[in-house]
C-alpha atoms as a PDB file:
ATOM      1  CA  MET A   1      25.524 -16.912  -2.938  1.00  0.00           C
ATOM      2  CA  THR A   2      24.512 -13.378  -3.660  1.00  0.00           C
ATOM      3  CA  MET A   3      22.101 -11.572  -1.536  1.00  0.00           C
ATOM      4  CA  PRO A   4      18.462 -11.926  -3.577  1.00  0.00           C
ATOM      5  CA  GLY A   5      17.082  -8.781  -4.916  1.00  0.00           C
ATOM      6  CA  TYR A   6      14.478  -7.024  -3.040  1.00  0.00           C
ATOM      7  CA  GLU A   7      11.384  -8.368  -4.545  1.00  0.00           C
ATOM      8  CA  LYS A   8      13.052 -12.135  -3.947  1.00  0.00           C
ATOM      9  CA  PHE A   9      12.503 -10.965  -0.198  1.00  0.00           C
ATOM     10  CA  MET A  10       9.197  -9.867   0.229  1.00  0.00           C
ATOM     11  CA  LEU A  11       6.910 -12.255   0.299  1.00  0.00           C
ATOM     12  CA  PRO A  12       8.912 -14.628   2.543  1.00  0.00           C
ATOM     13  CA  ILE A  13       9.205 -11.890   4.900  1.00  0.00           C
ATOM     14  CA  MET A  14       5.268 -11.050   4.758  1.00  0.00           C
ATOM     15  CA  ASP A  15       4.743 -14.666   5.647  1.00  0.00           C
ATOM     16  CA  MET A  16       6.429 -15.043   8.047  1.00  0.00           C
ATOM     17  CA  GLU A  17       5.506 -11.756  10.146  1.00  0.00           C
ATOM     18  CA  ARG A  18       2.831 -13.466  10.703  1.00  0.00           C
ATOM     19  CA  GLU A  19       4.158 -16.902  12.669  1.00  0.00           C
ATOM     20  CA  TYR A  20       7.579 -15.218  13.818  1.00  0.00           C
ATOM     21  CA  GLU A  21       8.896 -12.336  16.010  1.00  0.00           C
ATOM     22  CA  VAL A  22      11.146  -9.577  13.782  1.00  0.00           C
ATOM     23  CA  SER A  23      14.187 -10.773  16.048  1.00  0.00           C
ATOM     24  CA  GLU A  24      13.395 -14.601  14.480  1.00  0.00           C
ATOM     25  CA  VAL A  25      13.248 -13.607  10.797  1.00  0.00           C
ATOM     26  CA  ARG A  26      16.731 -12.647   9.874  1.00  0.00           C
ATOM     27  CA  ASP A  27      17.861 -16.209  10.648  1.00  0.00           C
ATOM     28  CA  LYS A  28      14.740 -17.659   8.987  1.00  0.00           C
ATOM     29  CA  LEU A  29      15.007 -15.544   5.724  1.00  0.00           C
ATOM     30  CA  ALA A  30      19.085 -16.748   5.131  1.00  0.00           C
ATOM     31  CA  GLY A  31      17.407 -20.488   5.819  1.00  0.00           C
ATOM     32  CA  HIS A  32      15.017 -20.110   3.482  1.00  0.00           C
ATOM     33  CA  PHE A  33      17.144 -18.399   1.057  1.00  0.00           C
ATOM     34  CA  LYS A  34      20.303 -20.587   2.191  1.00  0.00           C
ATOM     35  CA  ILE A  35      22.246 -18.032   2.779  1.00  0.00           C
ATOM     36  CA  THR A  36      25.500 -18.217   4.651  1.00  0.00           C
ATOM     37  CA  GLU A  37      26.505 -16.234   8.516  1.00  0.00           C
ATOM     38  CA  GLU A  38      29.210 -15.277   5.357  1.00  0.00           C
ATOM     39  CA  ASP A  39      26.795 -14.037   2.348  1.00  0.00           C
ATOM     40  CA  LEU A  40      24.942 -12.482   5.496  1.00  0.00           C
ATOM     41  CA  TRP A  41      28.211 -10.424   6.635  1.00  0.00           C
ATOM     42  CA  GLU A  42      29.400  -9.450   2.730  1.00  0.00           C
ATOM     43  CA  LEU A  43      30.514  -6.192   2.194  1.00  0.00           C
ATOM     44  CA  LEU A  44      30.265  -3.773  -1.242  1.00  0.00           C
ATOM     45  CA  PRO A  45      32.806  -2.493  -2.549  1.00  0.00           C
ATOM     46  CA  SER A  46      31.448   0.938  -0.358  1.00  0.00           C
ATOM     47  CA  GLY A  47      32.242  -1.068   2.523  1.00  0.00           C
ATOM     48  CA  GLU A  48      28.518  -1.121   3.882  1.00  0.00           C
ATOM     49  CA  ILE A  49      27.225  -4.323   5.104  1.00  0.00           C
ATOM     50  CA  ASP A  50      25.627  -6.601   2.404  1.00  0.00           C
ATOM     51  CA  GLY A  51      22.847  -8.446   4.624  1.00  0.00           C
ATOM     52  CA  ILE A  52      20.931  -8.009   7.437  1.00  0.00           C
ATOM     53  CA  PRO A  53      22.931  -7.638  10.385  1.00  0.00           C
END
């Protein structure tokens, strides 16, 4: 799966910030968008991480 863009992340982030600590949001977003651990650590062609480390 490709990572959702900025706009797709914003609403869930704003909703989650009311209920969860910042440290919990990564896992909650991954679950919401059904992003695998492998997807979270996918590298861009530049070698940068394309995810939420």
